[in-house]
């Protein structure tokens, strides 16, 4: 993300509690988050030093690599997802544009989402393939399987017309 000049929240990976505390001090504000804990269904948001140390200890103990990602939380911001499919020739199909109605901090799998996005302005532009496929009728899994064995989007016929390519 940094190499393509996209903003990311300040973060760092700690291997010990002391390293985690050092990263938190560099970031300098609560809440902090370990996204890997959230994806596993456990609480990973700390609003104070005591919660932070407790989460880091639990995360270090549970991690197979003894690491915790300490990241500034983006709680409360809006989340948008652009579902795309790209082939080896760099052809791209925009399948669906999804908006999470719930603010960030609610896991995507638990969030209320709409497609297409409703509130994004024309000045802005993740991973909800099942919703995008259902909302648009685009067979994402089928297309991804064909792309993975070397087809390009231009070689796969559109499922609806059977004549135009999927890249149309």
N, C-alpha and C. Protein backbone atom coordinates (compact mmCIF):
# COMPACT_ATOMS: atom_id res chain seq x y z
N UNK A 1 0.82 -1.19 0.00
CA UNK A 1 0.00 0.00 0.00
C UNK A 1 0.87 1.25 0.00
N UNK A 2 1.92 1.22 0.78
CA UNK A 2 2.81 2.38 0.87
C UNK A 2 3.52 2.60 -0.47
N UNK A 3 3.92 1.50 -1.14
CA UNK A 3 4.65 1.65 -2.39
C UNK A 3 3.79 2.23 -3.51
N UNK A 4 2.46 2.11 -3.41
CA UNK A 4 1.59 2.72 -4.41
C UNK A 4 0.92 3.98 -3.86
N UNK A 5 1.50 4.52 -2.81
CA UNK A 5 1.13 5.80 -2.21
C UNK A 5 -0.34 5.86 -1.77
N UNK A 6 -0.78 4.80 -1.08
CA UNK A 6 -2.10 4.81 -0.46
C UNK A 6 -1.91 4.99 1.04
N UNK A 7 -2.78 5.80 1.62
CA UNK A 7 -2.70 6.02 3.07
C UNK A 7 -3.08 4.75 3.80
N UNK A 8 -2.35 4.44 4.84
CA UNK A 8 -2.67 3.30 5.71
C UNK A 8 -2.57 3.78 7.15
N UNK A 9 -3.29 3.12 8.04
CA UNK A 9 -3.17 3.52 9.44
C UNK A 9 -1.78 3.16 9.96
N UNK A 10 -1.24 3.97 10.87
CA UNK A 10 0.06 3.63 11.44
C UNK A 10 -0.03 2.29 12.15
N UNK A 11 1.00 1.47 11.97
CA UNK A 11 0.97 0.13 12.56
C UNK A 11 2.36 -0.43 12.71
N UNK A 12 2.44 -1.57 13.36
CA UNK A 12 3.69 -2.30 13.52
C UNK A 12 3.41 -3.67 14.08
N UNK A 13 4.35 -4.58 13.88
CA UNK A 13 4.20 -5.95 14.38
C UNK A 13 5.11 -6.12 15.59
N UNK A 14 4.51 -6.53 16.71
CA UNK A 14 5.28 -6.77 17.91
C UNK A 14 5.40 -8.25 18.20
N UNK A 15 6.60 -8.66 18.62
CA UNK A 15 6.87 -10.06 18.99
C UNK A 15 6.87 -10.27 20.50
N UNK A 16 6.88 -9.17 21.24
CA UNK A 16 6.84 -9.23 22.70
C UNK A 16 5.90 -8.13 23.18
N UNK A 17 5.49 -8.22 24.43
CA UNK A 17 4.63 -7.18 24.99
C UNK A 17 5.34 -5.83 24.97
N UNK A 18 6.63 -5.82 25.29
CA UNK A 18 7.39 -4.56 25.27
C UNK A 18 7.41 -3.94 23.88
N UNK A 19 7.59 -4.76 22.83
CA UNK A 19 7.57 -4.25 21.47
C UNK A 19 6.20 -3.68 21.12
N UNK A 20 5.14 -4.36 21.54
CA UNK A 20 3.78 -3.88 21.29
C UNK A 20 3.55 -2.54 21.96
N UNK A 21 4.01 -2.40 23.19
CA UNK A 21 3.86 -1.14 23.93
C UNK A 21 4.64 -0.03 23.23
N UNK A 22 5.83 -0.35 22.75
CA UNK A 22 6.64 0.64 22.03
C UNK A 22 5.93 1.12 20.76
N UNK A 23 5.34 0.20 20.01
CA UNK A 23 4.59 0.56 18.79
C UNK A 23 3.40 1.44 19.16
N UNK A 24 2.68 1.06 20.23
CA UNK A 24 1.53 1.85 20.67
C UNK A 24 1.95 3.26 21.06
N UNK A 25 3.08 3.39 21.72
CA UNK A 25 3.58 4.72 22.11
C UNK A 25 3.92 5.56 20.89
N UNK A 26 4.45 4.91 19.83
CA UNK A 26 4.77 5.63 18.59
C UNK A 26 3.48 6.10 17.90
N UNK A 27 2.45 5.26 17.90
CA UNK A 27 1.17 5.64 17.29
C UNK A 27 0.52 6.73 18.12
N UNK A 28 0.49 6.53 19.43
CA UNK A 28 0.13 7.58 20.35
C UNK A 28 -1.33 7.84 20.67
N UNK A 29 -2.26 7.07 20.15
CA UNK A 29 -3.66 7.33 20.49
C UNK A 29 -4.48 6.04 20.44
N UNK A 30 -5.48 5.97 21.31
CA UNK A 30 -6.38 4.82 21.31
C UNK A 30 -7.57 5.14 20.42
N UNK A 31 -8.33 4.16 19.93
CA UNK A 31 -8.14 2.73 20.19
C UNK A 31 -7.14 2.11 19.23
N UNK A 32 -6.60 0.98 19.66
CA UNK A 32 -5.73 0.17 18.84
C UNK A 32 -6.47 -1.10 18.47
N UNK A 33 -5.97 -1.77 17.47
CA UNK A 33 -6.66 -2.96 17.00
C UNK A 33 -5.66 -3.99 16.51
N UNK A 34 -5.99 -5.26 16.70
CA UNK A 34 -5.27 -6.35 16.04
C UNK A 34 -6.29 -7.02 15.11
N UNK A 35 -6.26 -6.70 13.81
CA UNK A 35 -7.27 -7.23 12.89
C UNK A 35 -7.31 -8.75 12.85
N UNK A 36 -6.18 -9.40 13.09
CA UNK A 36 -6.18 -10.87 13.04
C UNK A 36 -7.03 -11.44 14.16
N UNK A 37 -7.06 -10.78 15.31
CA UNK A 37 -7.92 -11.25 16.39
C UNK A 37 -9.38 -11.04 16.03
N UNK A 38 -9.69 -9.91 15.40
CA UNK A 38 -11.08 -9.64 15.02
C UNK A 38 -11.56 -10.67 14.00
N UNK A 39 -10.72 -11.00 13.03
CA UNK A 39 -11.13 -11.97 12.01
C UNK A 39 -11.35 -13.34 12.63
N UNK A 40 -10.68 -13.62 13.72
CA UNK A 40 -10.86 -14.89 14.40
C UNK A 40 -12.06 -14.88 15.32
N UNK A 41 -12.75 -13.76 15.39
CA UNK A 41 -13.96 -13.69 16.18
C UNK A 41 -13.74 -13.21 17.61
N UNK A 42 -12.49 -12.92 17.97
CA UNK A 42 -12.22 -12.46 19.33
C UNK A 42 -12.11 -10.94 19.34
N UNK A 43 -12.30 -10.37 20.52
CA UNK A 43 -12.17 -8.93 20.67
C UNK A 43 -10.73 -8.52 20.43
N UNK A 44 -10.50 -7.54 19.62
CA UNK A 44 -9.15 -7.09 19.33
C UNK A 44 -9.01 -5.59 19.39
N UNK A 45 -9.91 -4.91 20.08
CA UNK A 45 -9.88 -3.45 20.15
C UNK A 45 -9.59 -3.04 21.59
N UNK A 46 -8.61 -2.17 21.76
CA UNK A 46 -8.24 -1.69 23.09
C UNK A 46 -8.51 -0.20 23.19
N UNK A 47 -9.23 0.19 24.23
CA UNK A 47 -9.55 1.59 24.44
C UNK A 47 -8.69 2.24 25.52
N UNK A 48 -7.90 1.43 26.24
CA UNK A 48 -7.01 1.97 27.26
C UNK A 48 -5.81 1.03 27.42
N UNK A 49 -4.83 1.45 28.24
CA UNK A 49 -3.58 0.69 28.38
C UNK A 49 -3.81 -0.71 28.95
N UNK A 50 -4.72 -0.82 29.91
CA UNK A 50 -4.97 -2.13 30.52
C UNK A 50 -5.55 -3.11 29.50
N UNK A 51 -6.56 -2.66 28.74
CA UNK A 51 -7.13 -3.52 27.69
C UNK A 51 -6.08 -3.86 26.64
N UNK A 52 -5.25 -2.87 26.30
CA UNK A 52 -4.22 -3.09 25.30
C UNK A 52 -3.25 -4.19 25.73
N UNK A 53 -2.76 -4.10 26.95
CA UNK A 53 -1.81 -5.11 27.43
C UNK A 53 -2.46 -6.48 27.51
N UNK A 54 -3.70 -6.54 27.94
CA UNK A 54 -4.42 -7.82 28.03
C UNK A 54 -4.59 -8.45 26.65
N UNK A 55 -5.00 -7.64 25.66
CA UNK A 55 -5.19 -8.15 24.30
C UNK A 55 -3.86 -8.59 23.70
N UNK A 56 -2.81 -7.81 23.92
CA UNK A 56 -1.50 -8.18 23.38
C UNK A 56 -0.99 -9.48 23.99
N UNK A 57 -1.15 -9.64 25.29
CA UNK A 57 -0.72 -10.89 25.94
C UNK A 57 -1.48 -12.08 25.36
N UNK A 58 -2.79 -11.93 25.24
CA UNK A 58 -3.60 -13.02 24.68
C UNK A 58 -3.24 -13.28 23.22
N UNK A 59 -3.02 -12.22 22.47
CA UNK A 59 -2.67 -12.37 21.06
C UNK A 59 -1.32 -13.04 20.88
N UNK A 60 -0.34 -12.64 21.66
CA UNK A 60 0.99 -13.27 21.57
C UNK A 60 0.92 -14.75 21.94
N UNK A 61 0.12 -15.07 22.95
CA UNK A 61 -0.02 -16.47 23.38
C UNK A 61 -0.75 -17.30 22.33
N UNK A 62 -1.73 -16.72 21.66
CA UNK A 62 -2.54 -17.47 20.69
C UNK A 62 -1.89 -17.55 19.31
N UNK A 63 -0.99 -16.62 19.01
CA UNK A 63 -0.39 -16.54 17.68
C UNK A 63 0.61 -17.67 17.44
N UNK A 64 0.49 -18.32 16.29
CA UNK A 64 1.47 -19.36 15.93
C UNK A 64 2.84 -18.78 15.67
N UNK A 65 2.89 -17.48 15.33
CA UNK A 65 4.17 -16.82 15.05
C UNK A 65 4.61 -15.92 16.20
N UNK A 66 3.86 -15.93 17.30
CA UNK A 66 4.13 -15.06 18.46
C UNK A 66 4.22 -13.60 18.04
N UNK A 67 3.25 -13.15 17.24
CA UNK A 67 3.22 -11.78 16.77
C UNK A 67 1.83 -11.18 16.95
N UNK A 68 1.83 -9.88 17.19
CA UNK A 68 0.58 -9.12 17.26
C UNK A 68 0.75 -7.90 16.36
N UNK A 69 -0.23 -7.66 15.52
CA UNK A 69 -0.25 -6.45 14.70
C UNK A 69 -0.93 -5.36 15.50
N UNK A 70 -0.19 -4.31 15.79
CA UNK A 70 -0.72 -3.17 16.52
C UNK A 70 -0.99 -2.08 15.48
N UNK A 71 -2.26 -1.69 15.38
CA UNK A 71 -2.65 -0.76 14.33
C UNK A 71 -3.63 0.26 14.88
N UNK A 72 -3.49 1.51 14.43
CA UNK A 72 -4.47 2.52 14.82
C UNK A 72 -5.82 2.10 14.27
N UNK A 73 -6.82 2.14 15.08
CA UNK A 73 -8.16 1.72 14.68
C UNK A 73 -8.80 2.74 13.75
N UNK A 74 -9.60 2.24 12.83
CA UNK A 74 -10.37 3.10 11.93
C UNK A 74 -11.85 3.03 12.27
N UNK A 75 -12.16 2.67 13.53
CA UNK A 75 -13.55 2.57 13.96
C UNK A 75 -14.34 3.82 13.61
N UNK A 76 -15.53 3.61 13.12
CA UNK A 76 -16.42 4.72 12.83
C UNK A 76 -16.35 5.23 11.40
N UNK A 77 -15.30 4.89 10.65
CA UNK A 77 -15.23 5.30 9.25
C UNK A 77 -16.10 4.41 8.39
N UNK A 78 -16.47 4.86 7.21
CA UNK A 78 -17.28 4.06 6.30
C UNK A 78 -16.38 3.13 5.52
N UNK A 79 -16.94 1.99 5.13
CA UNK A 79 -16.19 0.99 4.37
C UNK A 79 -16.92 0.71 3.06
N UNK A 80 -16.15 0.80 1.97
CA UNK A 80 -16.66 0.50 0.64
C UNK A 80 -15.80 -0.60 0.04
N UNK A 81 -16.40 -1.43 -0.77
CA UNK A 81 -15.66 -2.51 -1.40
C UNK A 81 -15.94 -2.50 -2.89
N UNK A 82 -14.89 -2.62 -3.66
CA UNK A 82 -15.00 -2.70 -5.10
C UNK A 82 -14.60 -4.10 -5.50
N UNK A 83 -15.57 -4.87 -5.96
CA UNK A 83 -15.31 -6.27 -6.34
C UNK A 83 -14.88 -6.27 -7.80
N UNK A 84 -13.64 -6.71 -8.04
CA UNK A 84 -13.10 -6.73 -9.40
C UNK A 84 -12.54 -8.10 -9.72
N UNK A 85 -12.41 -8.37 -11.00
CA UNK A 85 -11.76 -9.59 -11.45
C UNK A 85 -10.74 -9.18 -12.51
N UNK A 86 -9.52 -9.70 -12.38
CA UNK A 86 -8.44 -9.34 -13.30
C UNK A 86 -7.81 -10.61 -13.82
N UNK A 87 -7.42 -10.62 -15.10
CA UNK A 87 -6.76 -11.79 -15.67
C UNK A 87 -5.27 -11.52 -15.86
N UNK A 88 -4.54 -12.51 -16.39
CA UNK A 88 -3.09 -12.38 -16.57
C UNK A 88 -2.71 -11.29 -17.56
N UNK A 89 -3.60 -10.96 -18.49
CA UNK A 89 -3.33 -9.92 -19.48
C UNK A 89 -3.68 -8.53 -18.95
N UNK A 90 -4.02 -8.45 -17.66
CA UNK A 90 -4.38 -7.21 -16.98
C UNK A 90 -5.70 -6.62 -17.46
N UNK A 91 -6.58 -7.46 -18.02
CA UNK A 91 -7.94 -7.04 -18.30
C UNK A 91 -8.70 -7.04 -16.98
N UNK A 92 -9.59 -6.09 -16.81
CA UNK A 92 -10.31 -5.95 -15.55
C UNK A 92 -11.80 -5.81 -15.80
N UNK A 93 -12.59 -6.48 -14.97
CA UNK A 93 -14.04 -6.33 -14.97
C UNK A 93 -14.43 -5.82 -13.59
N UNK A 94 -15.16 -4.71 -13.55
CA UNK A 94 -15.72 -4.22 -12.29
C UNK A 94 -17.05 -4.94 -12.11
N UNK A 95 -17.13 -5.79 -11.12
CA UNK A 95 -18.31 -6.62 -10.93
C UNK A 95 -19.37 -5.89 -10.10
N UNK A 96 -18.93 -5.28 -9.03
CA UNK A 96 -19.92 -4.70 -8.11
C UNK A 96 -19.23 -3.70 -7.19
N UNK A 97 -19.97 -2.70 -6.77
CA UNK A 97 -19.48 -1.72 -5.82
C UNK A 97 -20.38 -1.80 -4.59
N UNK A 98 -19.82 -2.19 -3.45
CA UNK A 98 -20.59 -2.50 -2.25
C UNK A 98 -20.30 -1.47 -1.17
N UNK A 99 -21.34 -1.11 -0.43
CA UNK A 99 -21.19 -0.20 0.69
C UNK A 99 -21.62 -0.91 1.97
N UNK A 100 -20.75 -0.87 2.97
CA UNK A 100 -21.13 -1.38 4.29
C UNK A 100 -21.90 -0.29 4.99
N UNK A 101 -23.13 -0.60 5.41
CA UNK A 101 -23.95 0.39 6.11
C UNK A 101 -23.41 0.60 7.52
N UNK A 102 -22.97 -0.48 8.16
CA UNK A 102 -22.38 -0.36 9.49
C UNK A 102 -21.01 0.31 9.36
N UNK A 103 -20.58 1.09 10.37
CA UNK A 103 -19.25 1.69 10.31
C UNK A 103 -18.17 0.63 10.48
N UNK A 104 -16.95 0.98 10.12
CA UNK A 104 -15.84 0.06 10.32
C UNK A 104 -15.78 -0.35 11.78
N UNK A 105 -15.34 -1.56 11.99
CA UNK A 105 -15.32 -2.12 13.33
C UNK A 105 -16.34 -3.25 13.43
N UNK A 106 -17.34 -3.23 12.54
CA UNK A 106 -18.26 -4.35 12.42
C UNK A 106 -17.70 -5.23 11.32
N UNK A 107 -17.39 -6.48 11.64
CA UNK A 107 -16.78 -7.39 10.66
C UNK A 107 -17.65 -7.48 9.42
N UNK A 108 -17.04 -7.51 8.24
CA UNK A 108 -17.77 -7.54 6.98
C UNK A 108 -18.82 -8.65 6.96
N UNK A 109 -18.50 -9.80 7.50
CA UNK A 109 -19.44 -10.90 7.50
C UNK A 109 -20.66 -10.66 8.38
N UNK A 110 -20.56 -9.71 9.31
CA UNK A 110 -21.66 -9.38 10.20
C UNK A 110 -22.33 -8.06 9.84
N UNK A 111 -21.80 -7.38 8.85
CA UNK A 111 -22.26 -6.04 8.50
C UNK A 111 -23.44 -6.07 7.54
N UNK A 112 -24.28 -5.06 7.63
CA UNK A 112 -25.33 -4.86 6.63
C UNK A 112 -24.67 -4.15 5.45
N UNK A 113 -24.86 -4.71 4.26
CA UNK A 113 -24.23 -4.15 3.08
C UNK A 113 -25.25 -3.97 1.97
N UNK A 114 -25.02 -2.99 1.11
CA UNK A 114 -25.88 -2.78 -0.05
C UNK A 114 -25.03 -2.72 -1.31
N UNK A 115 -25.63 -3.16 -2.39
CA UNK A 115 -24.95 -3.10 -3.68
C UNK A 115 -25.99 -2.66 -4.71
N UNK A 116 -25.70 -1.64 -5.49
CA UNK A 116 -24.47 -0.86 -5.51
C UNK A 116 -24.40 0.12 -4.34
N UNK A 117 -23.21 0.68 -4.12
CA UNK A 117 -23.00 1.66 -3.06
C UNK A 117 -23.96 2.83 -3.25
N UNK A 118 -24.42 3.40 -2.13
CA UNK A 118 -25.43 4.45 -2.19
C UNK A 118 -24.93 5.84 -1.83
N UNK A 119 -23.95 5.97 -0.95
CA UNK A 119 -23.63 7.29 -0.41
C UNK A 119 -22.25 7.82 -0.78
N UNK A 120 -21.50 7.12 -1.59
CA UNK A 120 -20.15 7.56 -1.92
C UNK A 120 -20.19 8.70 -2.93
N UNK A 121 -19.41 9.73 -2.66
CA UNK A 121 -19.34 10.84 -3.62
C UNK A 121 -18.46 10.42 -4.79
N UNK A 122 -18.40 11.22 -5.82
CA UNK A 122 -17.60 10.87 -6.99
C UNK A 122 -16.11 11.14 -6.76
N UNK A 123 -15.70 11.57 -5.54
CA UNK A 123 -14.29 11.81 -5.24
C UNK A 123 -13.66 10.57 -4.56
N UNK A 124 -14.30 9.51 -4.23
CA UNK A 124 -13.66 8.35 -3.62
C UNK A 124 -13.88 7.09 -4.44
N UNK A 125 -13.15 6.21 -4.28
CA UNK A 125 -13.43 4.94 -4.88
C UNK A 125 -13.19 3.93 -3.70
N UNK A 126 -12.81 -5.30 -1.39
CA UNK A 126 -12.34 -6.03 -0.21
C UNK A 126 -12.75 -7.44 -0.35
N UNK A 127 -13.82 -7.78 -0.20
CA UNK A 127 -13.78 -9.23 -0.29
C UNK A 127 -15.15 -9.90 -0.19
N UNK A 128 -16.18 -9.24 -0.64
CA UNK A 128 -17.53 -9.79 -0.49
C UNK A 128 -18.01 -10.38 -1.80
N UNK A 129 -17.28 -11.38 -2.26
CA UNK A 129 -17.58 -12.00 -3.56
C UNK A 129 -18.96 -12.60 -3.62
N UNK A 130 -19.39 -13.24 -2.56
CA UNK A 130 -20.70 -13.88 -2.58
C UNK A 130 -21.81 -12.85 -2.75
N UNK A 131 -21.75 -11.74 -2.02
CA UNK A 131 -22.76 -10.70 -2.17
C UNK A 131 -22.71 -10.10 -3.57
N UNK A 132 -21.50 -9.80 -4.05
CA UNK A 132 -21.37 -9.21 -5.38
C UNK A 132 -21.92 -10.14 -6.44
N UNK A 133 -21.64 -11.42 -6.32
CA UNK A 133 -22.12 -12.39 -7.29
C UNK A 133 -23.64 -12.47 -7.27
N UNK A 134 -24.22 -12.50 -6.08
CA UNK A 134 -25.68 -12.56 -5.97
C UNK A 134 -26.34 -11.27 -6.44
N UNK A 135 -25.74 -10.13 -6.11
CA UNK A 135 -26.34 -8.84 -6.45
C UNK A 135 -26.31 -8.56 -7.94
N UNK A 136 -25.29 -9.10 -8.62
CA UNK A 136 -25.12 -8.78 -10.04
C UNK A 136 -25.43 -9.94 -10.97
N UNK A 137 -25.44 -11.15 -10.45
CA UNK A 137 -25.60 -12.32 -11.31
C UNK A 137 -24.32 -12.74 -11.99
N UNK A 138 -23.21 -12.06 -11.70
CA UNK A 138 -21.92 -12.39 -12.29
C UNK A 138 -21.35 -13.60 -11.58
N UNK A 139 -21.03 -14.69 -12.29
CA UNK A 139 -20.56 -15.93 -11.66
C UNK A 139 -19.08 -15.85 -11.27
N UNK A 140 -18.79 -15.18 -10.18
CA UNK A 140 -17.41 -14.91 -9.78
C UNK A 140 -16.60 -16.19 -9.60
N UNK A 141 -17.13 -17.17 -8.88
CA UNK A 141 -16.36 -18.39 -8.61
C UNK A 141 -16.03 -19.12 -9.91
N UNK A 142 -17.00 -19.22 -10.80
CA UNK A 142 -16.78 -19.89 -12.09
C UNK A 142 -15.72 -19.16 -12.90
N UNK A 143 -15.81 -17.84 -12.95
CA UNK A 143 -14.85 -17.04 -13.71
C UNK A 143 -13.46 -17.15 -13.10
N UNK A 144 -13.37 -17.08 -11.79
CA UNK A 144 -12.07 -17.16 -11.12
C UNK A 144 -11.41 -18.51 -11.41
N UNK A 145 -12.20 -19.57 -11.43
CA UNK A 145 -11.65 -20.90 -11.74
C UNK A 145 -11.07 -20.92 -13.15
N UNK A 146 -11.78 -20.34 -14.10
CA UNK A 146 -11.28 -20.32 -15.49
C UNK A 146 -10.04 -19.44 -15.62
N UNK A 147 -10.04 -18.30 -14.93
CA UNK A 147 -8.86 -17.43 -14.96
C UNK A 147 -7.66 -18.13 -14.34
N UNK A 148 -7.89 -18.92 -13.30
CA UNK A 148 -6.78 -19.57 -12.60
C UNK A 148 -6.09 -20.64 -13.46
N UNK A 149 -6.77 -21.13 -14.48
CA UNK A 149 -6.13 -22.12 -15.36
C UNK A 149 -5.64 -21.50 -16.67
N UNK A 150 -5.63 -20.15 -16.73
CA UNK A 150 -4.99 -19.49 -17.84
C UNK A 150 -5.86 -18.78 -18.85
N UNK A 151 -7.18 -18.89 -18.74
CA UNK A 151 -8.04 -18.14 -19.65
C UNK A 151 -7.89 -16.65 -19.37
N UNK A 152 -8.15 -15.82 -20.38
CA UNK A 152 -8.25 -14.38 -20.16
C UNK A 152 -9.73 -14.04 -20.19
N UNK A 153 -10.08 -12.88 -19.67
CA UNK A 153 -11.49 -12.48 -19.63
C UNK A 153 -12.08 -12.40 -21.04
N UNK A 154 -11.27 -12.03 -22.02
CA UNK A 154 -11.75 -11.95 -23.40
C UNK A 154 -12.05 -13.30 -24.02
N UNK A 155 -11.54 -14.37 -23.45
CA UNK A 155 -11.76 -15.72 -23.99
C UNK A 155 -12.97 -16.41 -23.37
N UNK A 156 -13.53 -15.85 -22.32
CA UNK A 156 -14.64 -16.50 -21.62
C UNK A 156 -15.94 -15.84 -22.08
N UNK A 157 -16.88 -16.61 -22.61
CA UNK A 157 -18.13 -15.99 -23.05
C UNK A 157 -18.99 -15.54 -21.86
N UNK A 158 -19.67 -14.44 -22.07
CA UNK A 158 -20.61 -13.90 -21.09
C UNK A 158 -21.71 -14.92 -20.86
N UNK A 159 -22.04 -15.23 -19.62
CA UNK A 159 -23.05 -16.25 -19.30
C UNK A 159 -24.45 -15.89 -19.79
N UNK A 160 -24.73 -14.62 -19.93
CA UNK A 160 -26.09 -14.22 -20.33
C UNK A 160 -26.26 -14.24 -21.85
N UNK A 161 -25.37 -13.55 -22.56
CA UNK A 161 -25.49 -13.46 -24.03
C UNK A 161 -24.84 -14.63 -24.76
N UNK A 162 -23.85 -15.25 -24.14
CA UNK A 162 -23.10 -16.37 -24.72
C UNK A 162 -22.28 -15.97 -25.95
N UNK A 163 -22.35 -14.70 -26.36
CA UNK A 163 -21.61 -14.25 -27.55
C UNK A 163 -20.55 -13.22 -27.18
N UNK A 164 -20.92 -12.24 -26.36
CA UNK A 164 -19.96 -11.24 -25.95
C UNK A 164 -19.05 -11.82 -24.88
N UNK A 165 -17.80 -11.37 -24.82
CA UNK A 165 -16.90 -11.91 -23.79
C UNK A 165 -17.25 -11.36 -22.41
N UNK A 166 -16.78 -12.05 -21.39
CA UNK A 166 -17.02 -11.63 -20.00
C UNK A 166 -16.39 -10.27 -19.71
N UNK A 167 -15.40 -9.90 -20.50
CA UNK A 167 -14.72 -8.61 -20.27
C UNK A 167 -15.49 -7.44 -20.83
N UNK A 168 -16.60 -7.68 -21.54
CA UNK A 168 -17.39 -6.59 -22.13
C UNK A 168 -18.07 -5.80 -21.04
